[in-house]
Amino acid sequence: MQAFPSFPVTAVDSTAAGDAFNGALACALAEGRSMQDAMRFASAAGAISVTRKGAQDSLPTRDEIAKLLVKSEE
């Protein structure tokens, strides 16, 4: 078993967080990313999602996910 860290964010609504995570994970794996990279991508998507209210409106774009990933490496 392997643990993957989450991104520190202030959550306001968890609606659709699982959908954001699972969709991003499926997308990353379909693109051929490693499980580690896919989990990081999906975790970023879920983290962004919980910072917003609602379902569809909370889903992040690929660009938003990429920005969080870059920011987390600084």
PDB file of N, CA and C in Angstrom:
ATOM      1  N   MET A   1       0.840  -1.160   0.000  1.00  0.00           N
ATOM      2  CA  MET A   1       0.000   0.000   0.000  1.00  0.00           C
ATOM      3  C   MET A   1       0.892   1.232   0.000  1.00  0.00           C
ATOM      4  N   GLN A   2       0.462   2.229  -0.713  1.00  0.00           N
ATOM      5  CA  GLN A   2       1.218   3.476  -0.791  1.00  0.00           C
ATOM      6  C   GLN A   2       0.293   4.632  -0.448  1.00  0.00           C
ATOM      7  N   ALA A   3       0.793   5.577   0.309  1.00  0.00           N
ATOM      8  CA  ALA A   3       0.018   6.771   0.668  1.00  0.00           C
ATOM      9  C   ALA A   3       0.445   7.924  -0.228  1.00  0.00           C
ATOM     10  N   PHE A   4      -0.522   8.745  -0.593  1.00  0.00           N
ATOM     11  CA  PHE A   4      -0.258   9.921  -1.408  1.00  0.00           C
ATOM     12  C   PHE A   4      -0.735  11.139  -0.637  1.00  0.00           C
ATOM     13  N   PRO A   5       0.117  12.133  -0.432  1.00  0.00           N
ATOM     14  CA  PRO A   5      -0.278  13.307   0.356  1.00  0.00           C
ATOM     15  C   PRO A   5      -1.306  14.162  -0.376  1.00  0.00           C
ATOM     16  N   SER A   6      -2.084  14.857   0.420  1.00  0.00           N
ATOM     17  CA  SER A   6      -3.072  15.775  -0.151  1.00  0.00           C
ATOM     18  C   SER A   6      -2.475  17.179  -0.221  1.00  0.00           C
ATOM     19  N   PHE A   7      -3.210  18.068  -0.852  1.00  0.00           N
ATOM     20  CA  PHE A   7      -2.785  19.458  -0.953  1.00  0.00           C
ATOM     21  C   PHE A   7      -3.470  20.250   0.153  1.00  0.00           C
ATOM     22  N   PRO A   8      -2.734  21.098   0.870  1.00  0.00           N
ATOM     23  CA  PRO A   8      -3.363  21.892   1.936  1.00  0.00           C
ATOM     24  C   PRO A   8      -4.223  23.009   1.340  1.00  0.00           C
ATOM     25  N   VAL A   9      -5.522  22.919   1.555  1.00  0.00           N
ATOM     26  CA  VAL A   9      -6.464  23.937   1.081  1.00  0.00           C
ATOM     27  C   VAL A   9      -7.502  24.174   2.165  1.00  0.00           C
ATOM     28  N   THR A  10      -8.231  25.261   2.045  1.00  0.00           N
ATOM     29  CA  THR A  10      -9.346  25.525   2.946  1.00  0.00           C
ATOM     30  C   THR A  10     -10.619  25.087   2.244  1.00  0.00           C
ATOM     31  N   ALA A  11     -11.229  24.033   2.743  1.00  0.00           N
ATOM     32  CA  ALA A  11     -12.429  23.481   2.118  1.00  0.00           C
ATOM     33  C   ALA A  11     -13.662  24.305   2.472  1.00  0.00           C
ATOM     34  N   VAL A  12     -14.502  24.541   1.471  1.00  0.00           N
ATOM     35  CA  VAL A  12     -15.774  25.236   1.697  1.00  0.00           C
ATOM     36  C   VAL A  12     -16.967  24.361   1.322  1.00  0.00           C
ATOM     37  N   ASP A  13     -16.771  23.357   0.462  1.00  0.00           N
ATOM     38  CA  ASP A  13     -17.870  22.491   0.036  1.00  0.00           C
ATOM     39  C   ASP A  13     -17.267  21.248  -0.616  1.00  0.00           C
ATOM     40  N   SER A  14     -17.621  20.086  -0.093  1.00  0.00           N
ATOM     41  CA  SER A  14     -17.046  18.851  -0.636  1.00  0.00           C
ATOM     42  C   SER A  14     -17.874  18.243  -1.771  1.00  0.00           C
ATOM     43  N   THR A  15     -18.943  18.921  -2.163  1.00  0.00           N
ATOM     44  CA  THR A  15     -19.764  18.420  -3.265  1.00  0.00           C
ATOM     45  C   THR A  15     -18.908  18.251  -4.520  1.00  0.00           C
ATOM     46  N   ALA A  16     -18.973  17.099  -5.115  1.00  0.00           N
ATOM     47  CA  ALA A  16     -18.281  16.754  -6.365  1.00  0.00           C
ATOM     48  C   ALA A  16     -16.772  16.564  -6.225  1.00  0.00           C
ATOM     49  N   ALA A  17     -16.254  16.566  -5.013  1.00  0.00           N
ATOM     50  CA  ALA A  17     -14.812  16.358  -4.840  1.00  0.00           C
ATOM     51  C   ALA A  17     -14.398  14.974  -5.328  1.00  0.00           C
ATOM     52  N   GLY A  18     -15.194  13.970  -5.014  1.00  0.00           N
ATOM     53  CA  GLY A  18     -14.904  12.617  -5.482  1.00  0.00           C
ATOM     54  C   GLY A  18     -14.999  12.505  -6.992  1.00  0.00           C
ATOM     55  N   ASP A  19     -15.974  13.189  -7.559  1.00  0.00           N
ATOM     56  CA  ASP A  19     -16.120  13.193  -9.016  1.00  0.00           C
ATOM     57  C   ASP A  19     -14.908  13.848  -9.673  1.00  0.00           C
ATOM     58  N   ALA A  20     -14.459  14.952  -9.099  1.00  0.00           N
ATOM     59  CA  ALA A  20     -13.283  15.646  -9.635  1.00  0.00           C
ATOM     60  C   ALA A  20     -12.058  14.736  -9.554  1.00  0.00           C
ATOM     61  N   PHE A  21     -11.882  14.097  -8.408  1.00  0.00           N
ATOM     62  CA  PHE A  21     -10.746  13.203  -8.207  1.00  0.00           C
ATOM     63  C   PHE A  21     -10.787  12.035  -9.186  1.00  0.00           C
ATOM     64  N   ASN A  22     -11.914  11.338  -9.227  1.00  0.00           N
ATOM     65  CA  ASN A  22     -12.025  10.149 -10.074  1.00  0.00           C
ATOM     66  C   ASN A  22     -11.912  10.474 -11.558  1.00  0.00           C
ATOM     67  N   GLY A  23     -12.516  11.570 -11.967  1.00  0.00           N
ATOM     68  CA  GLY A  23     -12.417  11.980 -13.368  1.00  0.00           C
ATOM     69  C   GLY A  23     -10.988  12.315 -13.759  1.00  0.00           C
ATOM     70  N   ALA A  24     -10.306  13.031 -12.879  1.00  0.00           N
ATOM     71  CA  ALA A  24      -8.914  13.406 -13.152  1.00  0.00           C
ATOM     72  C   ALA A  24      -8.005  12.179 -13.138  1.00  0.00           C
ATOM     73  N   LEU A  25      -8.270  11.252 -12.233  1.00  0.00           N
ATOM     74  CA  LEU A  25      -7.469  10.024 -12.175  1.00  0.00           C
ATOM     75  C   LEU A  25      -7.647   9.216 -13.460  1.00  0.00           C
ATOM     76  N   ALA A  26      -8.890   9.043 -13.889  1.00  0.00           N
ATOM     77  CA  ALA A  26      -9.164   8.298 -15.121  1.00  0.00           C
ATOM     78  C   ALA A  26      -8.514   8.975 -16.330  1.00  0.00           C
ATOM     79  N   CYS A  27      -8.608  10.287 -16.381  1.00  0.00           N
ATOM     80  CA  CYS A  27      -8.017  11.048 -17.483  1.00  0.00           C
ATOM     81  C   CYS A  27      -6.500  10.857 -17.522  1.00  0.00           C
ATOM     82  N   ALA A  28      -5.864  11.006 -16.378  1.00  0.00           N
ATOM     83  CA  ALA A  28      -4.406  10.892 -16.314  1.00  0.00           C
ATOM     84  C   ALA A  28      -3.940   9.484 -16.676  1.00  0.00           C
ATOM     85  N   LEU A  29      -4.647   8.472 -16.194  1.00  0.00           N
ATOM     86  CA  LEU A  29      -4.265   7.096 -16.523  1.00  0.00           C
ATOM     87  C   LEU A  29      -4.491   6.809 -18.007  1.00  0.00           C
ATOM     88  N   ALA A  30      -5.576   7.334 -18.566  1.00  0.00           N
ATOM     89  CA  ALA A  30      -5.857   7.148 -19.997  1.00  0.00           C
ATOM     90  C   ALA A  30      -4.787   7.804 -20.862  1.00  0.00           C
ATOM     91  N   GLU A  31      -4.170   8.848 -20.335  1.00  0.00           N
ATOM     92  CA  GLU A  31      -3.089   9.530 -21.054  1.00  0.00           C
ATOM     93  C   GLU A  31      -1.752   8.806 -20.910  1.00  0.00           C
ATOM     94  N   GLY A  32      -1.728   7.739 -20.114  1.00  0.00           N
ATOM     95  CA  GLY A  32      -0.512   6.952 -19.958  1.00  0.00           C
ATOM     96  C   GLY A  32       0.400   7.397 -18.832  1.00  0.00           C
ATOM     97  N   ARG A  33      -0.104   8.244 -17.943  1.00  0.00           N
ATOM     98  CA  ARG A  33       0.732   8.682 -16.819  1.00  0.00           C
ATOM     99  C   ARG A  33       0.929   7.531 -15.839  1.00  0.00           C
ATOM    100  N   SER A  34       2.000   7.606 -15.076  1.00  0.00           N
ATOM    101  CA  SER A  34       2.234   6.610 -14.029  1.00  0.00           C
ATOM    102  C   SER A  34       1.174   6.777 -12.945  1.00  0.00           C
ATOM    103  N   MET A  35       0.988   5.728 -12.142  1.00  0.00           N
ATOM    104  CA  MET A  35       0.003   5.823 -11.063  1.00  0.00           C
ATOM    105  C   MET A  35       0.361   6.963 -10.115  1.00  0.00           C
ATOM    106  N   GLN A  36       1.630   7.144  -9.819  1.00  0.00           N
ATOM    107  CA  GLN A  36       2.042   8.217  -8.917  1.00  0.00           C
ATOM    108  C   GLN A  36       1.684   9.585  -9.498  1.00  0.00           C
ATOM    109  N   ASP A  37       1.976   9.813 -10.754  1.00  0.00           N
ATOM    110  CA  ASP A  37       1.640  11.093 -11.386  1.00  0.00           C
ATOM    111  C   ASP A  37       0.129  11.276 -11.490  1.00  0.00           C
ATOM    112  N   ALA A  38      -0.574  10.193 -11.809  1.00  0.00           N
ATOM    113  CA  ALA A  38      -2.034  10.264 -11.926  1.00  0.00           C
ATOM    114  C   ALA A  38      -2.678  10.589 -10.580  1.00  0.00           C
ATOM    115  N   MET A  39      -2.168   9.998  -9.511  1.00  0.00           N
ATOM    116  CA  MET A  39      -2.710  10.274  -8.177  1.00  0.00           C
ATOM    117  C   MET A  39      -2.452  11.723  -7.779  1.00  0.00           C
ATOM    118  N   ARG A  40      -1.304  12.224  -8.092  1.00  0.00           N
ATOM    119  CA  ARG A  40      -0.985  13.626  -7.781  1.00  0.00           C
ATOM    120  C   ARG A  40      -1.904  14.572  -8.561  1.00  0.00           C
ATOM    121  N   PHE A  41      -2.111  14.288  -9.839  1.00  0.00           N
ATOM    122  CA  PHE A  41      -3.003  15.078 -10.688  1.00  0.00           C
ATOM    123  C   PHE A  41      -4.428  15.038 -10.131  1.00  0.00           C
ATOM    124  N   ALA A  42      -4.896  13.852  -9.777  1.00  0.00           N
ATOM    125  CA  ALA A  42      -6.248  13.686  -9.243  1.00  0.00           C
ATOM    126  C   ALA A  42      -6.405  14.358  -7.884  1.00  0.00           C
ATOM    127  N   SER A  43      -5.398  14.253  -7.054  1.00  0.00           N
ATOM    128  CA  SER A  43      -5.440  14.893  -5.742  1.00  0.00           C
ATOM    129  C   SER A  43      -5.530  16.405  -5.879  1.00  0.00           C
ATOM    130  N   ALA A  44      -4.820  16.949  -6.838  1.00  0.00           N
ATOM    131  CA  ALA A  44      -4.889  18.391  -7.087  1.00  0.00           C
ATOM    132  C   ALA A  44      -6.289  18.786  -7.545  1.00  0.00           C
ATOM    133  N   ALA A  45      -6.883  17.974  -8.407  1.00  0.00           N
ATOM    134  CA  ALA A  45      -8.240  18.262  -8.883  1.00  0.00           C
ATOM    135  C   ALA A  45      -9.234  18.253  -7.726  1.00  0.00           C
ATOM    136  N   GLY A  46      -9.140  17.263  -6.865  1.00  0.00           N
ATOM    137  CA  GLY A  46     -10.029  17.192  -5.709  1.00  0.00           C
ATOM    138  C   GLY A  46      -9.815  18.345  -4.749  1.00  0.00           C
ATOM    139  N   ALA A  47      -8.565  18.723  -4.564  1.00  0.00           N
ATOM    140  CA  ALA A  47      -8.250  19.839  -3.662  1.00  0.00           C
ATOM    141  C   ALA A  47      -8.851  21.143  -4.170  1.00  0.00           C
ATOM    142  N   ILE A  48      -8.719  21.393  -5.441  1.00  0.00           N
ATOM    143  CA  ILE A  48      -9.294  22.614  -6.012  1.00  0.00           C
ATOM    144  C   ILE A  48     -10.805  22.586  -5.885  1.00  0.00           C
ATOM    145  N   SER A  49     -11.397  21.439  -6.147  1.00  0.00           N
ATOM    146  CA  SER A  49     -12.850  21.301  -6.115  1.00  0.00           C
ATOM    147  C   SER A  49     -13.450  21.696  -4.767  1.00  0.00           C
ATOM    148  N   VAL A  50     -12.817  21.303  -3.674  1.00  0.00           N
ATOM    149  CA  VAL A  50     -13.398  21.594  -2.355  1.00  0.00           C
ATOM    150  C   VAL A  50     -13.268  23.059  -1.947  1.00  0.00           C
ATOM    151  N   THR A  51     -12.524  23.834  -2.705  1.00  0.00           N
ATOM    152  CA  THR A  51     -12.388  25.264  -2.382  1.00  0.00           C
ATOM    153  C   THR A  51     -13.512  26.097  -2.989  1.00  0.00           C
ATOM    154  N   ARG A  52     -14.416  25.432  -3.710  1.00  0.00           N
ATOM    155  CA  ARG A  52     -15.512  26.129  -4.395  1.00  0.00           C
ATOM    156  C   ARG A  52     -16.852  25.502  -4.020  1.00  0.00           C
ATOM    157  N   LYS A  53     -17.892  26.297  -4.129  1.00  0.00           N
ATOM    158  CA  LYS A  53     -19.234  25.789  -3.841  1.00  0.00           C
ATOM    159  C   LYS A  53     -19.858  25.190  -5.090  1.00  0.00           C
ATOM    160  N   GLY A  54     -20.673  24.171  -4.864  1.00  0.00           N
ATOM    161  CA  GLY A  54     -21.436  23.578  -5.951  1.00  0.00           C
ATOM    162  C   GLY A  54     -20.786  22.350  -6.546  1.00  0.00           C
ATOM    163  N   ALA A  55     -21.427  21.836  -7.586  1.00  0.00           N
ATOM    164  CA  ALA A  55     -20.935  20.624  -8.237  1.00  0.00           C
ATOM    165  C   ALA A  55     -20.167  20.966  -9.512  1.00  0.00           C
ATOM    166  N   GLN A  56     -20.867  21.220 -10.595  1.00  0.00           N
ATOM    167  CA  GLN A  56     -20.177  21.509 -11.858  1.00  0.00           C
ATOM    168  C   GLN A  56     -19.279  22.731 -11.761  1.00  0.00           C
ATOM    169  N   ASP A  57     -19.726  23.738 -11.052  1.00  0.00           N
ATOM    170  CA  ASP A  57     -18.926  24.962 -10.926  1.00  0.00           C
ATOM    171  C   ASP A  57     -17.627  24.745 -10.155  1.00  0.00           C
ATOM    172  N   SER A  58     -17.562  23.664  -9.388  1.00  0.00           N
ATOM    173  CA  SER A  58     -16.356  23.427  -8.589  1.00  0.00           C
ATOM    174  C   SER A  58     -15.296  22.626  -9.338  1.00  0.00           C
ATOM    175  N   LEU A  59     -15.650  22.054 -10.476  1.00  0.00           N
ATOM    176  CA  LEU A  59     -14.692  21.217 -11.206  1.00  0.00           C
ATOM    177  C   LEU A  59     -13.596  22.069 -11.838  1.00  0.00           C
ATOM    178  N   PRO A  60     -12.341  21.741 -11.568  1.00  0.00           N
ATOM    179  CA  PRO A  60     -11.232  22.551 -12.089  1.00  0.00           C
ATOM    180  C   PRO A  60     -10.920  22.247 -13.549  1.00  0.00           C
ATOM    181  N   THR A  61     -10.291  23.196 -14.196  1.00  0.00           N
ATOM    182  CA  THR A  61      -9.799  22.979 -15.557  1.00  0.00           C
ATOM    183  C   THR A  61      -8.412  22.342 -15.477  1.00  0.00           C
ATOM    184  N   ARG A  62      -7.977  21.810 -16.585  1.00  0.00           N
ATOM    185  CA  ARG A  62      -6.631  21.221 -16.651  1.00  0.00           C
ATOM    186  C   ARG A  62      -5.569  22.270 -16.308  1.00  0.00           C
ATOM    187  N   ASP A  63      -5.772  23.497 -16.775  1.00  0.00           N
ATOM    188  CA  ASP A  63      -4.825  24.578 -16.509  1.00  0.00           C
ATOM    189  C   ASP A  63      -4.760  24.891 -15.015  1.00  0.00           C
ATOM    190  N   GLU A  64      -5.896  24.897 -14.345  1.00  0.00           N
ATOM    191  CA  GLU A  64      -5.912  25.162 -12.901  1.00  0.00           C
ATOM    192  C   GLU A  64      -5.181  24.062 -12.143  1.00  0.00           C
ATOM    193  N   ILE A  65      -5.374  22.833 -12.570  1.00  0.00           N
ATOM    194  CA  ILE A  65      -4.676  21.716 -11.928  1.00  0.00           C
ATOM    195  C   ILE A  65      -3.168  21.859 -12.138  1.00  0.00           C
ATOM    196  N   ALA A  66      -2.773  22.160 -13.350  1.00  0.00           N
ATOM    197  CA  ALA A  66      -1.343  22.329 -13.660  1.00  0.00           C
ATOM    198  C   ALA A  66      -0.723  23.435 -12.818  1.00  0.00           C
ATOM    199  N   LYS A  67      -1.435  24.539 -12.648  1.00  0.00           N
ATOM    200  CA  LYS A  67      -0.916  25.649 -11.844  1.00  0.00           C
ATOM    201  C   LYS A  67      -0.721  25.240 -10.389  1.00  0.00           C
ATOM    202  N   LEU A  68      -1.667  24.478  -9.829  1.00  0.00           N
ATOM    203  CA  LEU A  68      -1.516  24.023  -8.446  1.00  0.00           C
ATOM    204  C   LEU A  68      -0.328  23.073  -8.331  1.00  0.00           C
ATOM    205  N   LEU A  69      -0.154  22.208  -9.297  1.00  0.00           N
ATOM    206  CA  LEU A  69       0.979  21.280  -9.264  1.00  0.00           C
ATOM    207  C   LEU A  69       2.309  22.028  -9.305  1.00  0.00           C
ATOM    208  N   VAL A  70       2.406  23.027 -10.156  1.00  0.00           N
ATOM    209  CA  VAL A  70       3.635  23.831 -10.239  1.00  0.00           C
ATOM    210  C   VAL A  70       3.853  24.588  -8.935  1.00  0.00           C
ATOM    211  N   LYS A  71       2.794  25.200  -8.422  1.00  0.00           N
ATOM    212  CA  LYS A  71       2.897  25.982  -7.183  1.00  0.00           C
ATOM    213  C   LYS A  71       3.341  25.102  -6.015  1.00  0.00           C
ATOM    214  N   SER A  72       2.869  23.875  -5.973  1.00  0.00           N
ATOM    215  CA  SER A  72       3.207  22.986  -4.859  1.00  0.00           C
ATOM    216  C   SER A  72       4.665  22.546  -4.890  1.00  0.00           C
ATOM    217  N   GLU A  73       5.310  22.679  -6.027  1.00  0.00           N
ATOM    218  CA  GLU A  73       6.715  22.281  -6.151  1.00  0.00           C
ATOM    219  C   GLU A  73       7.676  23.416  -5.836  1.00  0.00           C
ATOM    220  N   GLU A  74       7.155  24.617  -5.608  1.00  0.00           N
ATOM    221  CA  GLU A  74       8.009  25.781  -5.315  1.00  0.00           C
ATOM    222  C   GLU A  74       8.535  25.732  -3.903  1.00  0.00           C
TER     223      GLU A  74
END
